[in-house]
Amino acid sequence: MHQSNVYKLSGHIYSQNGSPIISFQIIDIGIYTNSRINASTTDFKIYFEYKNNENLVFYNDVYLGKIINNTTIVDDTHQSLGRFNRNNINNENRFAIELNGKPALLFKNSDKKNYREAPQIALLVNLITQANEIELIWVTALSIFESIYFGFEFTF
């Protein structure tokens, strides 16, 4: 029987003034990129479970929805909520997100530093205008996921 390796990394995302605002832990399981991310602040917590081509997203322990094939966002009833494409970036290294037909820009994070600090979250997202609460939660979740999942890698 094959025993999979479990790798953990803990760290913080910092505000523009250098204060830690989000603590996180990545748990990477085995060779097939099955990962979990726990991220929390004093106001909320977000949990991601990334397995195969689906990324399940929970906000304050409630299932928010999932991201399918890193492009399609569906809500908790599996209704389409939006789309994004990390590979379609503009000249400022940002990619577009669309939620309920409203656009947002997210900075693509490909820093992959081997340390426990993530980029400042304010630098990762330009919020959509007139967003409702669910859309703001999704933009926040996507920003956190982008910062953490694409900002670190395990080196052995």
C-alpha atoms as a PDB file:
ATOM      1  CA  MET A   1       0.000   0.000   0.000  1.00  0.00           C
ATOM      2  CA  HIS A   2       1.358   3.411  -0.985  1.00  0.00           C
ATOM      3  CA  GLN A   3       1.656   5.930   1.814  1.00  0.00           C
ATOM      4  CA  SER A   4       1.137   9.489   0.624  1.00  0.00           C
ATOM      5  CA  ASN A   5       3.231  12.333   1.906  1.00  0.00           C
ATOM      6  CA  VAL A   6       1.531  15.246   3.625  1.00  0.00           C
ATOM      7  CA  TYR A   7       3.238  18.647   3.553  1.00  0.00           C
ATOM      8  CA  LYS A   8       2.122  21.638   5.600  1.00  0.00           C
ATOM      9  CA  LEU A   9       3.004  25.301   5.412  1.00  0.00           C
ATOM     10  CA  SER A  10       1.693  28.000   7.749  1.00  0.00           C
ATOM     11  CA  GLY A  11       1.991  31.732   7.296  1.00  0.00           C
ATOM     12  CA  HIS A  12       0.324  35.129   7.093  1.00  0.00           C
ATOM     13  CA  ILE A  13      -0.949  37.616   4.539  1.00  0.00           C
ATOM     14  CA  TYR A  14      -0.025  41.155   5.512  1.00  0.00           C
ATOM     15  CA  SER A  15      -1.862  44.471   5.197  1.00  0.00           C
ATOM     16  CA  GLN A  16      -0.334  47.476   3.466  1.00  0.00           C
ATOM     17  CA  ASN A  17       1.041  48.702   6.820  1.00  0.00           C
ATOM     18  CA  GLY A  18       2.762  45.370   7.466  1.00  0.00           C
ATOM     19  CA  SER A  19       0.344  43.926  10.027  1.00  0.00           C
ATOM     20  CA  PRO A  20      -0.709  40.290   9.630  1.00  0.00           C
ATOM     21  CA  ILE A  21      -4.394  40.243   8.652  1.00  0.00           C
ATOM     22  CA  ILE A  22      -4.909  36.652   7.491  1.00  0.00           C
ATOM     23  CA  SER A  23      -3.319  33.541   8.895  1.00  0.00           C
ATOM     24  CA  PHE A  24      -3.287  30.436   6.739  1.00  0.00           C
ATOM     25  CA  GLN A  25      -2.185  26.862   6.466  1.00  0.00           C
ATOM     26  CA  ILE A  26      -1.713  24.874   3.261  1.00  0.00           C
ATOM     27  CA  ILE A  27      -1.907  21.115   3.467  1.00  0.00           C
ATOM     28  CA  ASP A  28      -0.609  19.419   0.328  1.00  0.00           C
ATOM     29  CA  ILE A  29      -1.318  15.725  -0.001  1.00  0.00           C
ATOM     30  CA  GLY A  30       0.573  13.479  -2.369  1.00  0.00           C
ATOM     31  CA  ILE A  31       1.541  13.833  -5.977  1.00  0.00           C
ATOM     32  CA  TYR A  32      -1.840  14.731  -7.518  1.00  0.00           C
ATOM     33  CA  THR A  33      -2.153  18.252  -6.055  1.00  0.00           C
ATOM     34  CA  ASN A  34      -4.853  17.398  -3.581  1.00  0.00           C
ATOM     35  CA  SER A  35      -4.623  20.376  -1.286  1.00  0.00           C
ATOM     36  CA  ARG A  36      -6.466  22.128   1.490  1.00  0.00           C
ATOM     37  CA  ILE A  37      -6.137  25.708   2.590  1.00  0.00           C
ATOM     38  CA  ASN A  38      -7.436  27.150   5.829  1.00  0.00           C
ATOM     39  CA  ALA A  39      -7.364  30.943   6.014  1.00  0.00           C
ATOM     40  CA  SER A  40      -8.787  33.037   8.820  1.00  0.00           C
ATOM     41  CA  THR A  41      -9.087  36.580  10.097  1.00  0.00           C
ATOM     42  CA  THR A  42     -10.843  37.982  13.124  1.00  0.00           C
ATOM     43  CA  ASP A  43     -13.913  38.524  10.891  1.00  0.00           C
ATOM     44  CA  PHE A  44     -14.168  35.335   8.833  1.00  0.00           C
ATOM     45  CA  LYS A  45     -12.583  32.060   7.859  1.00  0.00           C
ATOM     46  CA  ILE A  46     -12.302  30.461   4.443  1.00  0.00           C
ATOM     47  CA  TYR A  47     -11.570  26.832   3.691  1.00  0.00           C
ATOM     48  CA  PHE A  48     -10.606  25.461   0.270  1.00  0.00           C
ATOM     49  CA  GLU A  49     -10.458  21.825  -0.712  1.00  0.00           C
ATOM     50  CA  TYR A  50      -8.725  21.430  -4.067  1.00  0.00           C
ATOM     51  CA  LYS A  51      -9.009  17.963  -5.545  1.00  0.00           C
ATOM     52  CA  ASN A  52      -8.787  16.876  -9.149  1.00  0.00           C
ATOM     53  CA  ASN A  53     -10.353  19.727 -11.132  1.00  0.00           C
ATOM     54  CA  GLU A  54     -12.666  21.076  -8.444  1.00  0.00           C
ATOM     55  CA  ASN A  55     -11.987  23.581  -5.701  1.00  0.00           C
ATOM     56  CA  LEU A  56     -14.686  23.523  -3.016  1.00  0.00           C
ATOM     57  CA  VAL A  57     -15.007  26.805  -1.120  1.00  0.00           C
ATOM     58  CA  PHE A  58     -16.410  27.265   2.400  1.00  0.00           C
ATOM     59  CA  TYR A  59     -16.964  30.595   4.149  1.00  0.00           C
ATOM     60  CA  ASN A  60     -17.476  30.539   7.941  1.00  0.00           C
ATOM     61  CA  ASP A  61     -18.060  26.769   7.745  1.00  0.00           C
ATOM     62  CA  VAL A  62     -20.856  27.143   5.156  1.00  0.00           C
ATOM     63  CA  TYR A  63     -20.432  25.725   1.659  1.00  0.00           C
ATOM     64  CA  LEU A  64     -20.193  28.696  -0.727  1.00  0.00           C
ATOM     65  CA  GLY A  65     -19.765  26.789  -3.987  1.00  0.00           C
ATOM     66  CA  LYS A  66     -16.901  25.577  -6.115  1.00  0.00           C
ATOM     67  CA  ILE A  67     -14.541  26.415  -8.912  1.00  0.00           C
ATOM     68  CA  ILE A  68     -14.511  23.865 -11.715  1.00  0.00           C
ATOM     69  CA  ASN A  69     -11.476  23.426 -14.000  1.00  0.00           C
ATOM     70  CA  ASN A  70      -9.998  26.679 -12.649  1.00  0.00           C
ATOM     71  CA  THR A  71     -12.450  28.656 -14.801  1.00  0.00           C
ATOM     72  CA  THR A  72     -16.119  28.177 -13.861  1.00  0.00           C
ATOM     73  CA  ILE A  73     -17.564  29.414 -10.565  1.00  0.00           C
ATOM     74  CA  VAL A  74     -20.797  27.828  -9.331  1.00  0.00           C
ATOM     75  CA  ASP A  75     -22.775  28.616  -6.206  1.00  0.00           C
ATOM     76  CA  ASP A  76     -23.914  26.222  -3.490  1.00  0.00           C
ATOM     77  CA  THR A  77     -26.822  25.016  -5.684  1.00  0.00           C
ATOM     78  CA  HIS A  78     -24.444  24.387  -8.627  1.00  0.00           C
ATOM     79  CA  GLN A  79     -25.851  27.351 -10.581  1.00  0.00           C
ATOM     80  CA  SER A  80     -23.343  29.275 -12.663  1.00  0.00           C
ATOM     81  CA  LEU A  81     -22.113  32.382 -10.859  1.00  0.00           C
ATOM     82  CA  GLY A  82     -19.190  33.443 -13.006  1.00  0.00           C
ATOM     83  CA  ARG A  83     -15.997  32.665 -14.873  1.00  0.00           C
ATOM     84  CA  PHE A  84     -12.335  33.527 -14.933  1.00  0.00           C
ATOM     85  CA  ASN A  85      -9.232  32.560 -16.837  1.00  0.00           C
ATOM     86  CA  ARG A  86      -5.829  32.852 -15.115  1.00  0.00           C
ATOM     87  CA  ASN A  87      -4.071  32.371 -18.461  1.00  0.00           C
ATOM     88  CA  ASN A  88      -5.744  35.388 -20.081  1.00  0.00           C
ATOM     89  CA  ILE A  89      -3.800  38.253 -18.515  1.00  0.00           C
ATOM     90  CA  ASN A  90      -3.352  41.876 -19.512  1.00  0.00           C
ATOM     91  CA  ASN A  91      -0.079  43.776 -19.619  1.00  0.00           C
ATOM     92  CA  GLU A  92      -0.237  44.471 -15.865  1.00  0.00           C
ATOM     93  CA  ASN A  93      -0.315  40.741 -15.069  1.00  0.00           C
ATOM     94  CA  ARG A  94      -3.999  40.860 -14.072  1.00  0.00           C
ATOM     95  CA  PHE A  95      -6.801  38.579 -15.201  1.00  0.00           C
ATOM     96  CA  ALA A  96     -10.525  39.239 -15.353  1.00  0.00           C
ATOM     97  CA  ILE A  97     -13.139  37.640 -13.161  1.00  0.00           C
ATOM     98  CA  GLU A  98     -16.822  37.904 -13.938  1.00  0.00           C
ATOM     99  CA  LEU A  99     -19.451  37.354 -11.239  1.00  0.00           C
ATOM    100  CA  ASN A 100     -23.112  37.736 -12.233  1.00  0.00           C
ATOM    101  CA  GLY A 101     -21.946  39.693 -15.274  1.00  0.00           C
ATOM    102  CA  LYS A 102     -19.879  42.143 -13.168  1.00  0.00           C
ATOM    103  CA  PRO A 103     -16.125  42.370 -13.798  1.00  0.00           C
ATOM    104  CA  ALA A 104     -13.238  42.391 -11.338  1.00  0.00           C
ATOM    105  CA  LEU A 105      -9.508  42.266 -11.962  1.00  0.00           C
ATOM    106  CA  LEU A 106      -7.252  39.998  -9.976  1.00  0.00           C
ATOM    107  CA  PHE A 107      -3.467  40.153 -10.043  1.00  0.00           C
ATOM    108  CA  LYS A 108      -1.947  36.850 -11.085  1.00  0.00           C
ATOM    109  CA  ASN A 109       0.376  35.600  -8.381  1.00  0.00           C
ATOM    110  CA  SER A 110       3.286  33.536  -9.601  1.00  0.00           C
ATOM    111  CA  ASP A 111       5.907  34.563  -7.080  1.00  0.00           C
ATOM    112  CA  LYS A 112       6.411  31.045  -5.645  1.00  0.00           C
ATOM    113  CA  LYS A 113       8.702  32.150  -2.843  1.00  0.00           C
ATOM    114  CA  ASN A 114       9.865  29.578  -0.357  1.00  0.00           C
ATOM    115  CA  TYR A 115       8.980  31.608   2.726  1.00  0.00           C
ATOM    116  CA  ARG A 116       5.966  32.210   4.920  1.00  0.00           C
ATOM    117  CA  GLU A 117       4.785  35.623   3.796  1.00  0.00           C
ATOM    118  CA  ALA A 118       2.192  36.186   1.126  1.00  0.00           C
ATOM    119  CA  PRO A 119       1.836  39.375  -0.894  1.00  0.00           C
ATOM    120  CA  GLN A 120      -0.339  42.127   0.457  1.00  0.00           C
ATOM    121  CA  ILE A 121      -3.903  41.241  -0.416  1.00  0.00           C
ATOM    122  CA  ALA A 122      -4.701  44.845  -1.401  1.00  0.00           C
ATOM    123  CA  LEU A 123      -2.318  44.419  -4.313  1.00  0.00           C
ATOM    124  CA  LEU A 124      -4.142  41.389  -5.667  1.00  0.00           C
ATOM    125  CA  VAL A 125      -7.624  42.641  -6.456  1.00  0.00           C
ATOM    126  CA  ASN A 126      -9.518  45.570  -7.929  1.00  0.00           C
ATOM    127  CA  LEU A 127     -13.054  45.112  -6.619  1.00  0.00           C
ATOM    128  CA  ILE A 128     -16.101  45.052  -8.786  1.00  0.00           C
ATOM    129  CA  THR A 129     -18.453  47.992  -8.465  1.00  0.00           C
ATOM    130  CA  GLN A 130     -21.882  47.615  -6.904  1.00  0.00           C
ATOM    131  CA  ALA A 131     -21.105  44.114  -5.680  1.00  0.00           C
ATOM    132  CA  ASN A 132     -23.500  42.277  -3.418  1.00  0.00           C
ATOM    133  CA  GLU A 133     -22.323  40.445  -0.297  1.00  0.00           C
ATOM    134  CA  ILE A 134     -21.890  37.058  -2.008  1.00  0.00           C
ATOM    135  CA  GLU A 135     -19.884  38.599  -4.861  1.00  0.00           C
ATOM    136  CA  LEU A 136     -17.588  40.363  -2.397  1.00  0.00           C
ATOM    137  CA  ILE A 137     -17.082  37.102  -0.501  1.00  0.00           C
ATOM    138  CA  TRP A 138     -16.167  35.334  -3.752  1.00  0.00           C
ATOM    139  CA  VAL A 139     -13.726  38.075  -4.787  1.00  0.00           C
ATOM    140  CA  THR A 140     -12.140  37.906  -1.333  1.00  0.00           C
ATOM    141  CA  ALA A 141     -11.961  34.108  -1.486  1.00  0.00           C
ATOM    142  CA  LEU A 142     -10.432  34.136  -4.966  1.00  0.00           C
ATOM    143  CA  SER A 143      -7.878  36.751  -3.881  1.00  0.00           C
ATOM    144  CA  ILE A 144      -6.876  34.704  -0.868  1.00  0.00           C
ATOM    145  CA  PHE A 145      -6.667  31.511  -2.914  1.00  0.00           C
ATOM    146  CA  GLU A 146      -4.586  33.258  -5.594  1.00  0.00           C
ATOM    147  CA  SER A 147      -2.236  34.677  -2.996  1.00  0.00           C
ATOM    148  CA  ILE A 148      -1.716  31.449  -1.100  1.00  0.00           C
ATOM    149  CA  TYR A 149      -2.085  28.604  -3.597  1.00  0.00           C
ATOM    150  CA  PHE A 150      -0.125  30.228  -6.405  1.00  0.00           C
ATOM    151  CA  GLY A 151       2.325  32.054  -4.134  1.00  0.00           C
ATOM    152  CA  PHE A 152       4.036  29.113  -2.490  1.00  0.00           C
ATOM    153  CA  GLU A 153       5.456  25.776  -3.409  1.00  0.00           C
ATOM    154  CA  PHE A 154       6.950  23.042  -1.363  1.00  0.00           C
ATOM    155  CA  THR A 155      10.612  22.311  -1.946  1.00  0.00           C
ATOM    156  CA  PHE A 156      12.158  19.073  -0.805  1.00  0.00           C
END
